[in-house]
Amino acid sequence: MAGQQSQSIQTLLEAEKEAAKVVQQARQYRVQRLKDARSEAAKEIEEYKKTKEAEFKAFEASHTGNTQAVQAAIDRETEAKQQEIRAQYEANKDAVVKKLLDRVVLVKPELHRNLKKVGA
């Protein structure tokens, strides 16, 4: 009996060692799969980043000419508005100066509307 128990215990210990090996292999396999998945994801991210960067460069190149054309149009429009303002200034400056001089030189002395007559 003692020999049979000893052999049973030995068999259980061997089975436990075998199970520990299987568990260790499963852990290593899982760790390796995680590493592989991370590296694969990093590669995919890098590829996606490269394609988006290329798309952006193409978009930027196609719109660079448009930016220059728009800037030239804005410059022309600004110059036209400045010319219009200068023309209005030249047309109205004499009338404005005359109105200012009339207000300064032709003063009508009169009492302020808030002033009340005292003693009346």
N, C-alpha and C. Protein backbone atom coordinates (compact mmCIF):
# COMPACT_ATOMS: atom_id res chain seq x y z
N MET A 1 0.80 -1.19 0.00
CA MET A 1 0.00 0.00 0.00
C MET A 1 0.85 1.26 0.00
N ALA A 2 1.89 1.22 0.85
CA ALA A 2 2.73 2.41 0.94
C ALA A 2 3.43 2.66 -0.37
N GLY A 3 3.82 1.57 -1.04
CA GLY A 3 4.47 1.71 -2.34
C GLY A 3 3.52 2.24 -3.40
N GLN A 4 2.28 1.74 -3.29
CA GLN A 4 1.27 2.20 -4.26
C GLN A 4 0.93 3.67 -4.02
N GLN A 5 0.85 4.10 -2.77
CA GLN A 5 0.58 5.50 -2.45
C GLN A 5 1.74 6.38 -2.92
N SER A 6 2.94 5.88 -2.70
CA SER A 6 4.13 6.62 -3.12
C SER A 6 4.13 6.79 -4.64
N GLN A 7 3.77 5.69 -5.33
CA GLN A 7 3.74 5.76 -6.79
C GLN A 7 2.60 6.68 -7.25
N SER A 8 1.48 6.68 -6.57
CA SER A 8 0.36 7.56 -6.91
C SER A 8 0.74 9.03 -6.70
N ILE A 9 1.45 9.26 -5.61
CA ILE A 9 1.90 10.64 -5.33
C ILE A 9 2.90 11.06 -6.39
N GLN A 10 3.79 10.13 -6.75
CA GLN A 10 4.79 10.42 -7.79
C GLN A 10 4.09 10.72 -9.12
N THR A 11 3.07 9.96 -9.45
CA THR A 11 2.31 10.18 -10.68
C THR A 11 1.62 11.54 -10.64
N LEU A 12 1.07 11.89 -9.49
CA LEU A 12 0.41 13.19 -9.36
C LEU A 12 1.42 14.33 -9.50
N LEU A 13 2.60 14.16 -8.91
CA LEU A 13 3.65 15.19 -9.02
C LEU A 13 4.10 15.37 -10.48
N GLU A 14 4.24 14.23 -11.17
CA GLU A 14 4.63 14.30 -12.58
C GLU A 14 3.53 14.97 -13.41
N ALA A 15 2.28 14.64 -13.09
CA ALA A 15 1.16 15.27 -13.80
C ALA A 15 1.12 16.77 -13.51
N GLU A 16 1.42 17.15 -12.26
CA GLU A 16 1.44 18.56 -11.89
C GLU A 16 2.56 19.30 -12.63
N LYS A 17 3.74 18.64 -12.74
CA LYS A 17 4.86 19.24 -13.48
C LYS A 17 4.49 19.41 -14.96
N GLU A 18 3.84 18.38 -15.48
CA GLU A 18 3.42 18.44 -16.89
C GLU A 18 2.40 19.56 -17.09
N ALA A 19 1.47 19.69 -16.17
CA ALA A 19 0.47 20.75 -16.25
C ALA A 19 1.14 22.12 -16.14
N ALA A 20 2.13 22.24 -15.26
CA ALA A 20 2.86 23.51 -15.12
C ALA A 20 3.58 23.86 -16.41
N LYS A 21 4.15 22.84 -17.07
CA LYS A 21 4.81 23.07 -18.36
C LYS A 21 3.81 23.56 -19.41
N VAL A 22 2.65 22.92 -19.43
CA VAL A 22 1.61 23.30 -20.40
C VAL A 22 1.16 24.74 -20.13
N VAL A 23 0.96 25.08 -18.87
CA VAL A 23 0.54 26.44 -18.51
C VAL A 23 1.63 27.44 -18.90
N GLN A 24 2.90 27.07 -18.64
CA GLN A 24 4.00 27.97 -18.99
C GLN A 24 4.08 28.18 -20.51
N GLN A 25 3.90 27.11 -21.27
CA GLN A 25 3.90 27.22 -22.72
C GLN A 25 2.75 28.09 -23.21
N ALA A 26 1.59 27.94 -22.58
CA ALA A 26 0.43 28.76 -22.96
C ALA A 26 0.70 30.23 -22.67
N ARG A 27 1.35 30.51 -21.53
CA ARG A 27 1.69 31.90 -21.21
C ARG A 27 2.67 32.48 -22.22
N GLN A 28 3.68 31.69 -22.54
CA GLN A 28 4.67 32.15 -23.52
C GLN A 28 4.01 32.38 -24.88
N TYR A 29 3.12 31.48 -25.26
CA TYR A 29 2.41 31.63 -26.53
C TYR A 29 1.57 32.90 -26.53
N ARG A 30 0.88 33.15 -25.41
CA ARG A 30 0.05 34.35 -25.30
C ARG A 30 0.91 35.61 -25.36
N VAL A 31 2.02 35.62 -24.65
CA VAL A 31 2.93 36.77 -24.65
C VAL A 31 3.46 37.01 -26.06
N GLN A 32 3.83 35.92 -26.73
CA GLN A 32 4.34 36.05 -28.10
C GLN A 32 3.27 36.59 -29.05
N ARG A 33 2.05 36.12 -28.88
CA ARG A 33 0.95 36.62 -29.72
C ARG A 33 0.70 38.10 -29.47
N LEU A 34 0.77 38.54 -28.21
CA LEU A 34 0.61 39.96 -27.90
C LEU A 34 1.71 40.80 -28.54
N LYS A 35 2.94 40.30 -28.47
CA LYS A 35 4.06 41.03 -29.09
C LYS A 35 3.87 41.12 -30.60
N ASP A 36 3.47 39.99 -31.20
CA ASP A 36 3.23 39.98 -32.64
C ASP A 36 2.10 40.94 -33.02
N ALA A 37 1.03 40.94 -32.22
CA ALA A 37 -0.11 41.82 -32.50
C ALA A 37 0.31 43.29 -32.39
N ARG A 38 1.12 43.61 -31.38
CA ARG A 38 1.58 44.99 -31.22
C ARG A 38 2.44 45.42 -32.40
N SER A 39 3.36 44.56 -32.78
CA SER A 39 4.23 44.93 -33.91
C SER A 39 3.43 45.05 -35.20
N GLU A 40 2.46 44.17 -35.40
CA GLU A 40 1.61 44.24 -36.59
C GLU A 40 0.78 45.52 -36.59
N ALA A 41 0.25 45.87 -35.42
CA ALA A 41 -0.54 47.11 -35.31
C ALA A 41 0.35 48.32 -35.57
N ALA A 42 1.57 48.30 -35.06
CA ALA A 42 2.49 49.42 -35.30
C ALA A 42 2.80 49.56 -36.79
N LYS A 43 2.97 48.42 -37.47
CA LYS A 43 3.22 48.46 -38.92
C LYS A 43 2.01 49.05 -39.66
N GLU A 44 0.81 48.60 -39.28
CA GLU A 44 -0.40 49.11 -39.93
C GLU A 44 -0.56 50.61 -39.69
N ILE A 45 -0.28 51.03 -38.46
CA ILE A 45 -0.39 52.46 -38.14
C ILE A 45 0.60 53.26 -38.98
N GLU A 46 1.81 52.76 -39.11
CA GLU A 46 2.83 53.45 -39.89
C GLU A 46 2.42 53.54 -41.37
N GLU A 47 1.89 52.46 -41.90
CA GLU A 47 1.43 52.47 -43.30
C GLU A 47 0.29 53.46 -43.49
N TYR A 48 -0.65 53.45 -42.56
CA TYR A 48 -1.79 54.38 -42.64
C TYR A 48 -1.30 55.82 -42.56
N LYS A 49 -0.35 56.05 -41.67
CA LYS A 49 0.20 57.39 -41.52
C LYS A 49 0.88 57.84 -42.81
N LYS A 50 1.62 56.94 -43.43
CA LYS A 50 2.30 57.29 -44.69
C LYS A 50 1.30 57.61 -45.79
N THR A 51 0.22 56.81 -45.89
CA THR A 51 -0.76 57.08 -46.94
C THR A 51 -1.47 58.41 -46.70
N LYS A 52 -1.82 58.70 -45.46
CA LYS A 52 -2.49 59.97 -45.16
C LYS A 52 -1.55 61.15 -45.40
N GLU A 53 -0.28 60.98 -45.08
CA GLU A 53 0.70 62.04 -45.32
C GLU A 53 0.83 62.30 -46.83
N ALA A 54 0.85 61.22 -47.62
CA ALA A 54 0.92 61.37 -49.07
C ALA A 54 -0.33 62.07 -49.60
N GLU A 55 -1.51 61.71 -49.08
CA GLU A 55 -2.74 62.37 -49.50
C GLU A 55 -2.71 63.85 -49.16
N PHE A 56 -2.21 64.17 -47.98
CA PHE A 56 -2.14 65.57 -47.56
C PHE A 56 -1.17 66.35 -48.46
N LYS A 57 -0.02 65.74 -48.77
CA LYS A 57 0.94 66.41 -49.65
C LYS A 57 0.32 66.68 -51.02
N ALA A 58 -0.42 65.70 -51.55
CA ALA A 58 -1.06 65.88 -52.85
C ALA A 58 -2.12 66.97 -52.76
N PHE A 59 -2.91 66.99 -51.71
CA PHE A 59 -3.93 68.01 -51.52
C PHE A 59 -3.29 69.39 -51.41
N GLU A 60 -2.23 69.46 -50.64
CA GLU A 60 -1.53 70.73 -50.45
C GLU A 60 -0.95 71.23 -51.77
N ALA A 61 -0.36 70.31 -52.54
CA ALA A 61 0.22 70.70 -53.82
C ALA A 61 -0.85 71.18 -54.79
N SER A 62 -2.02 70.53 -54.78
CA SER A 62 -3.07 70.92 -55.72
C SER A 62 -3.71 72.24 -55.34
N HIS A 63 -3.66 72.62 -54.07
CA HIS A 63 -4.30 73.85 -53.63
C HIS A 63 -3.32 75.01 -53.48
N THR A 64 -2.05 74.78 -53.67
CA THR A 64 -1.08 75.86 -53.53
C THR A 64 -1.32 76.93 -54.60
N GLY A 65 -1.56 76.51 -55.82
CA GLY A 65 -1.84 77.46 -56.90
C GLY A 65 -3.09 78.27 -56.61
N ASN A 66 -4.10 77.63 -56.06
CA ASN A 66 -5.34 78.32 -55.72
C ASN A 66 -5.10 79.40 -54.68
N THR A 67 -4.23 79.12 -53.73
CA THR A 67 -3.95 80.09 -52.67
C THR A 67 -3.32 81.35 -53.28
N GLN A 68 -2.40 81.15 -54.20
CA GLN A 68 -1.75 82.30 -54.83
C GLN A 68 -2.75 83.09 -55.67
N ALA A 69 -3.62 82.40 -56.37
CA ALA A 69 -4.62 83.09 -57.19
C ALA A 69 -5.59 83.86 -56.30
N VAL A 70 -5.99 83.27 -55.20
CA VAL A 70 -6.91 83.93 -54.27
C VAL A 70 -6.23 85.15 -53.67
N GLN A 71 -4.96 85.02 -53.30
CA GLN A 71 -4.23 86.15 -52.73
C GLN A 71 -4.13 87.29 -53.74
N ALA A 72 -3.87 86.97 -54.99
CA ALA A 72 -3.80 88.01 -56.02
C ALA A 72 -5.16 88.70 -56.19
N ALA A 73 -6.24 87.93 -56.16
CA ALA A 73 -7.58 88.51 -56.28
C ALA A 73 -7.88 89.42 -55.10
N ILE A 74 -7.50 89.00 -53.91
CA ILE A 74 -7.73 89.84 -52.73
C ILE A 74 -6.92 91.12 -52.82
N ASP A 75 -5.69 91.02 -53.30
CA ASP A 75 -4.85 92.22 -53.45
C ASP A 75 -5.49 93.20 -54.44
N ARG A 76 -6.00 92.67 -55.56
CA ARG A 76 -6.65 93.55 -56.55
C ARG A 76 -7.89 94.21 -55.94
N GLU A 77 -8.69 93.44 -55.22
CA GLU A 77 -9.90 93.98 -54.60
C GLU A 77 -9.55 95.06 -53.57
N THR A 78 -8.52 94.82 -52.79
CA THR A 78 -8.09 95.81 -51.79
C THR A 78 -7.62 97.09 -52.46
N GLU A 79 -6.87 96.95 -53.51
CA GLU A 79 -6.39 98.14 -54.23
C GLU A 79 -7.55 98.93 -54.82
N ALA A 80 -8.55 98.23 -55.36
CA ALA A 80 -9.73 98.92 -55.91
C ALA A 80 -10.48 99.67 -54.82
N LYS A 81 -10.64 99.05 -53.64
CA LYS A 81 -11.33 99.72 -52.55
C LYS A 81 -10.55 100.94 -52.07
N GLN A 82 -9.23 100.82 -52.02
CA GLN A 82 -8.41 101.97 -51.61
C GLN A 82 -8.55 103.11 -52.61
N GLN A 83 -8.59 102.78 -53.88
CA GLN A 83 -8.75 103.82 -54.91
C GLN A 83 -10.11 104.51 -54.75
N GLU A 84 -11.15 103.71 -54.47
CA GLU A 84 -12.48 104.27 -54.28
C GLU A 84 -12.51 105.22 -53.08
N ILE A 85 -11.86 104.79 -51.98
CA ILE A 85 -11.82 105.64 -50.78
C ILE A 85 -11.05 106.93 -51.07
N ARG A 86 -9.95 106.83 -51.80
CA ARG A 86 -9.18 108.03 -52.15
C ARG A 86 -10.02 108.99 -53.01
N ALA A 87 -10.78 108.41 -53.95
CA ALA A 87 -11.62 109.24 -54.81
C ALA A 87 -12.69 109.96 -54.00
N GLN A 88 -13.31 109.26 -53.07
CA GLN A 88 -14.32 109.89 -52.22
C GLN A 88 -13.70 110.98 -51.35
N TYR A 89 -12.50 110.73 -50.86
CA TYR A 89 -11.80 111.73 -50.05
C TYR A 89 -11.56 113.00 -50.86
N GLU A 90 -11.03 112.82 -52.07
CA GLU A 90 -10.75 113.97 -52.92
C GLU A 90 -12.03 114.73 -53.27
N ALA A 91 -13.12 113.99 -53.47
CA ALA A 91 -14.38 114.62 -53.86
C ALA A 91 -15.00 115.40 -52.71
N ASN A 92 -14.85 114.94 -51.48
CA ASN A 92 -15.58 115.52 -50.36
C ASN A 92 -14.73 116.35 -49.41
N LYS A 93 -13.42 116.40 -49.60
CA LYS A 93 -12.59 117.08 -48.60
C LYS A 93 -12.87 118.58 -48.53
N ASP A 94 -13.12 119.23 -49.66
CA ASP A 94 -13.39 120.68 -49.63
C ASP A 94 -14.68 120.98 -48.87
N ALA A 95 -15.72 120.18 -49.09
CA ALA A 95 -17.00 120.41 -48.42
C ALA A 95 -16.86 120.19 -46.91
N VAL A 96 -16.11 119.20 -46.50
CA VAL A 96 -15.93 118.92 -45.08
C VAL A 96 -15.14 120.04 -44.41
N VAL A 97 -14.08 120.49 -45.06
CA VAL A 97 -13.28 121.58 -44.49
C VAL A 97 -14.13 122.84 -44.37
N LYS A 98 -14.97 123.11 -45.38
CA LYS A 98 -15.84 124.29 -45.32
C LYS A 98 -16.82 124.19 -44.16
N LYS A 99 -17.42 123.01 -43.96
CA LYS A 99 -18.36 122.83 -42.85
C LYS A 99 -17.67 123.02 -41.51
N LEU A 100 -16.47 122.49 -41.36
CA LEU A 100 -15.74 122.64 -40.10
C LEU A 100 -15.41 124.11 -39.83
N LEU A 101 -14.94 124.81 -40.86
CA LEU A 101 -14.61 126.22 -40.68
C LEU A 101 -15.86 127.04 -40.34
N ASP A 102 -16.98 126.75 -40.99
CA ASP A 102 -18.23 127.45 -40.69
C ASP A 102 -18.62 127.24 -39.23
N ARG A 103 -18.50 126.04 -38.72
CA ARG A 103 -18.86 125.76 -37.33
C ARG A 103 -17.92 126.48 -36.35
N VAL A 104 -16.67 126.58 -36.72
CA VAL A 104 -15.70 127.21 -35.82
C VAL A 104 -15.80 128.73 -35.88
N VAL A 105 -15.94 129.28 -37.07
CA VAL A 105 -15.92 130.72 -37.24
C VAL A 105 -17.28 131.35 -36.96
N LEU A 106 -18.35 130.78 -37.41
CA LEU A 106 -19.69 131.34 -37.25
C LEU A 106 -20.33 130.77 -35.99
N VAL A 107 -20.08 131.45 -34.87
CA VAL A 107 -20.62 131.00 -33.60
C VAL A 107 -21.83 131.85 -33.26
N LYS A 108 -22.93 131.21 -32.90
CA LYS A 108 -24.14 131.92 -32.47
C LYS A 108 -24.19 131.83 -30.95
N PRO A 109 -23.97 132.96 -30.27
CA PRO A 109 -24.00 132.91 -28.81
C PRO A 109 -25.45 132.80 -28.32
N GLU A 110 -25.74 131.78 -27.57
CA GLU A 110 -27.07 131.61 -26.99
C GLU A 110 -26.91 130.87 -25.67
N LEU A 111 -27.89 131.03 -24.81
CA LEU A 111 -27.85 130.40 -23.50
C LEU A 111 -28.11 128.90 -23.62
N HIS A 112 -27.50 128.20 -22.70
CA HIS A 112 -27.70 126.75 -22.69
C HIS A 112 -29.13 126.43 -22.28
N ARG A 113 -29.67 125.37 -22.80
CA ARG A 113 -31.07 125.05 -22.55
C ARG A 113 -31.33 124.68 -21.09
N ASN A 114 -30.33 124.27 -20.36
CA ASN A 114 -30.51 123.90 -18.95
C ASN A 114 -30.40 125.12 -18.01
N LEU A 115 -29.96 126.22 -18.53
CA LEU A 115 -29.80 127.41 -17.70
C LEU A 115 -31.17 128.03 -17.46
N LYS A 116 -31.48 128.30 -16.19
CA LYS A 116 -32.77 128.90 -15.83
C LYS A 116 -32.54 130.37 -15.47
N LYS A 117 -33.48 131.16 -15.84
CA LYS A 117 -33.38 132.59 -15.52
C LYS A 117 -33.61 132.78 -14.03
N VAL A 118 -32.74 133.55 -13.43
CA VAL A 118 -32.86 133.80 -11.99
C VAL A 118 -33.60 135.12 -11.80
N GLY A 119 -34.57 135.17 -10.91
CA GLY A 119 -35.29 136.37 -10.56
C GLY A 119 -36.45 136.69 -11.51
N ALA A 120 -36.79 135.87 -12.35
CA ALA A 120 -37.87 136.19 -13.25
C ALA A 120 -39.18 135.63 -12.79
